[in-house]
Amino acid sequence: MLTLTRSVGETIRIGDDIEVHVVEVRGGTVRLGFKAPREVAIHREEVYRQIAEANLLAAQVTADSLGALAAFAPSASSVDAAAGTADEPDDASS
C-alpha cells in the first residue's frame, strides 16, 4: 500500500484520468473529492461489498432459475419427432 500525506486543497493523481482531492480534514475525518471518467466506478468499501453480494446472489438465482426452467424444456428427441411428423406428406392429397 502506498501512503501519502496531503493537505487540504492538494491533489493525488491515479494514472492519467483519476484525481483525488483533499477537500477537508476535521478531527479524525477526511473528506475526499474524486474526478474520474464515468466508466470508473467509485464506491465506499461497505457499498462495494453490498453490490458484490447482490451480484453473487443474482448469479445464483439465475443459475437456479435456468436449472428449473430446463426441466420444462422439451428434450431434443421429442422436438425432432414433432418436426418429423409435421414434414411428412399427407397420403390423402396425392
C-alpha atoms as a PDB file:
ATOM      1  CA  MET A   1       0.000   0.000   0.000  1.00  0.00           C
ATOM      2  CA  LEU A   2       1.237   3.463  -0.843  1.00  0.00           C
ATOM      3  CA  THR A   3       0.759   6.001   1.952  1.00  0.00           C
ATOM      4  CA  LEU A   4       0.827   9.713   1.117  1.00  0.00           C
ATOM      5  CA  THR A   5       0.484  12.860   3.181  1.00  0.00           C
ATOM      6  CA  ARG A   6      -1.583  15.634   1.629  1.00  0.00           C
ATOM      7  CA  SER A   7      -3.051  18.871   2.949  1.00  0.00           C
ATOM      8  CA  VAL A   8      -6.451  20.413   2.251  1.00  0.00           C
ATOM      9  CA  GLY A   9      -6.600  21.619  -1.345  1.00  0.00           C
ATOM     10  CA  GLU A  10      -3.901  19.250  -2.582  1.00  0.00           C
ATOM     11  CA  THR A  11      -4.480  16.527  -5.161  1.00  0.00           C
ATOM     12  CA  ILE A  12      -3.344  12.981  -5.812  1.00  0.00           C
ATOM     13  CA  ARG A  13      -3.417  11.585  -9.353  1.00  0.00           C
ATOM     14  CA  ILE A  14      -4.018   7.941 -10.227  1.00  0.00           C
ATOM     15  CA  GLY A  15      -2.975   7.300 -13.793  1.00  0.00           C
ATOM     16  CA  ASP A  16      -3.911   9.968 -16.320  1.00  0.00           C
ATOM     17  CA  ASP A  17      -7.662  10.053 -15.670  1.00  0.00           C
ATOM     18  CA  ILE A  18      -8.289   9.970 -11.918  1.00  0.00           C
ATOM     19  CA  GLU A  19      -7.810  12.816  -9.432  1.00  0.00           C
ATOM     20  CA  VAL A  20      -8.314  12.590  -5.675  1.00  0.00           C
ATOM     21  CA  HIS A  21      -8.718  15.969  -3.937  1.00  0.00           C
ATOM     22  CA  VAL A  22      -8.388  16.520  -0.199  1.00  0.00           C
ATOM     23  CA  VAL A  23     -11.442  18.687   0.478  1.00  0.00           C
ATOM     24  CA  GLU A  24     -11.492  18.903   4.260  1.00  0.00           C
ATOM     25  CA  VAL A  25      -9.867  17.451   7.358  1.00  0.00           C
ATOM     26  CA  ARG A  26     -11.909  17.714  10.549  1.00  0.00           C
ATOM     27  CA  GLY A  27     -10.860  15.763  13.634  1.00  0.00           C
ATOM     28  CA  GLY A  28     -10.425  12.142  12.571  1.00  0.00           C
ATOM     29  CA  THR A  29     -12.408  12.577   9.356  1.00  0.00           C
ATOM     30  CA  VAL A  30     -11.087  13.366   5.889  1.00  0.00           C
ATOM     31  CA  ARG A  31     -13.371  14.468   3.053  1.00  0.00           C
ATOM     32  CA  LEU A  32     -12.132  13.498  -0.388  1.00  0.00           C
ATOM     33  CA  GLY A  33     -13.321  14.531  -3.832  1.00  0.00           C
ATOM     34  CA  PHE A  34     -12.852  12.344  -6.893  1.00  0.00           C
ATOM     35  CA  LYS A  35     -12.706  13.189 -10.592  1.00  0.00           C
ATOM     36  CA  ALA A  36     -12.753  10.153 -12.857  1.00  0.00           C
ATOM     37  CA  PRO A  37     -14.250   9.035 -16.179  1.00  0.00           C
ATOM     38  CA  ARG A  38     -17.880   7.902 -15.971  1.00  0.00           C
ATOM     39  CA  GLU A  39     -16.902   4.290 -16.678  1.00  0.00           C
ATOM     40  CA  VAL A  40     -14.798   4.173 -13.489  1.00  0.00           C
ATOM     41  CA  ALA A  41     -16.926   3.037 -10.543  1.00  0.00           C
ATOM     42  CA  ILE A  42     -16.144   4.708  -7.213  1.00  0.00           C
ATOM     43  CA  HIS A  43     -17.802   3.296  -4.079  1.00  0.00           C
ATOM     44  CA  ARG A  44     -17.275   3.326  -0.341  1.00  0.00           C
ATOM     45  CA  GLU A  45     -15.997  -0.091   0.804  1.00  0.00           C
ATOM     46  CA  GLU A  46     -19.261  -1.059   2.532  1.00  0.00           C
ATOM     47  CA  VAL A  47     -21.293  -0.179  -0.573  1.00  0.00           C
ATOM     48  CA  TYR A  48     -18.872  -2.104  -2.792  1.00  0.00           C
ATOM     49  CA  ARG A  49     -19.315  -5.202  -0.619  1.00  0.00           C
ATOM     50  CA  GLN A  50     -23.118  -4.909  -0.763  1.00  0.00           C
ATOM     51  CA  ILE A  51     -23.001  -4.659  -4.560  1.00  0.00           C
ATOM     52  CA  ALA A  52     -20.691  -7.686  -4.774  1.00  0.00           C
ATOM     53  CA  GLU A  53     -23.008  -9.721  -2.501  1.00  0.00           C
ATOM     54  CA  ALA A  54     -26.075  -8.700  -4.518  1.00  0.00           C
ATOM     55  CA  ASN A  55     -24.344  -9.675  -7.770  1.00  0.00           C
ATOM     56  CA  LEU A  56     -23.350 -13.049  -6.317  1.00  0.00           C
ATOM     57  CA  LEU A  57     -26.904 -13.690  -5.135  1.00  0.00           C
ATOM     58  CA  ALA A  58     -28.326 -12.654  -8.513  1.00  0.00           C
ATOM     59  CA  ALA A  59     -25.961 -15.042 -10.298  1.00  0.00           C
ATOM     60  CA  GLN A  60     -27.041 -17.903  -8.016  1.00  0.00           C
ATOM     61  CA  VAL A  61     -30.731 -17.153  -8.530  1.00  0.00           C
ATOM     62  CA  THR A  62     -30.226 -17.014 -12.301  1.00  0.00           C
ATOM     63  CA  ALA A  63     -28.437 -20.377 -12.317  1.00  0.00           C
ATOM     64  CA  ASP A  64     -31.178 -21.912 -10.129  1.00  0.00           C
ATOM     65  CA  SER A  65     -33.876 -20.445 -12.377  1.00  0.00           C
ATOM     66  CA  LEU A  66     -32.233 -21.772 -15.525  1.00  0.00           C
ATOM     67  CA  GLY A  67     -31.990 -25.215 -13.955  1.00  0.00           C
ATOM     68  CA  ALA A  68     -35.669 -25.141 -13.004  1.00  0.00           C
ATOM     69  CA  LEU A  69     -36.695 -23.960 -16.480  1.00  0.00           C
ATOM     70  CA  ALA A  70     -34.643 -26.715 -18.110  1.00  0.00           C
ATOM     71  CA  ALA A  71     -36.958 -29.261 -16.510  1.00  0.00           C
ATOM     72  CA  PHE A  72     -39.853 -27.821 -18.549  1.00  0.00           C
ATOM     73  CA  ALA A  73     -37.979 -27.602 -21.860  1.00  0.00           C
ATOM     74  CA  PRO A  74     -38.784 -30.351 -24.352  1.00  0.00           C
ATOM     75  CA  SER A  75     -35.992 -32.814 -24.971  1.00  0.00           C
ATOM     76  CA  ALA A  76     -34.160 -32.783 -28.317  1.00  0.00           C
ATOM     77  CA  SER A  77     -35.650 -36.158 -29.338  1.00  0.00           C
ATOM     78  CA  SER A  78     -39.237 -35.000 -28.762  1.00  0.00           C
ATOM     79  CA  VAL A  79     -38.592 -31.820 -30.760  1.00  0.00           C
ATOM     80  CA  ASP A  80     -37.111 -33.869 -33.630  1.00  0.00           C
ATOM     81  CA  ALA A  81     -40.038 -36.288 -33.550  1.00  0.00           C
ATOM     82  CA  ALA A  82     -42.584 -33.469 -33.624  1.00  0.00           C
ATOM     83  CA  ALA A  83     -40.767 -31.776 -36.502  1.00  0.00           C
ATOM     84  CA  GLY A  84     -40.538 -35.041 -38.450  1.00  0.00           C
ATOM     85  CA  THR A  85     -44.290 -35.723 -38.297  1.00  0.00           C
ATOM     86  CA  ALA A  86     -45.123 -32.210 -39.431  1.00  0.00           C
ATOM     87  CA  ASP A  87     -42.936 -32.531 -42.537  1.00  0.00           C
ATOM     88  CA  GLU A  88     -44.328 -35.892 -43.719  1.00  0.00           C
ATOM     89  CA  PRO A  89     -46.541 -35.620 -46.833  1.00  0.00           C
ATOM     90  CA  ASP A  90     -50.201 -36.373 -46.405  1.00  0.00           C
ATOM     91  CA  ASP A  91     -51.191 -39.507 -48.358  1.00  0.00           C
ATOM     92  CA  ALA A  92     -54.742 -38.202 -48.940  1.00  0.00           C
ATOM     93  CA  SER A  93     -53.543 -35.290 -51.051  1.00  0.00           C
ATOM     94  CA  SER A  94     -51.585 -37.495 -53.547  1.00  0.00           C
END
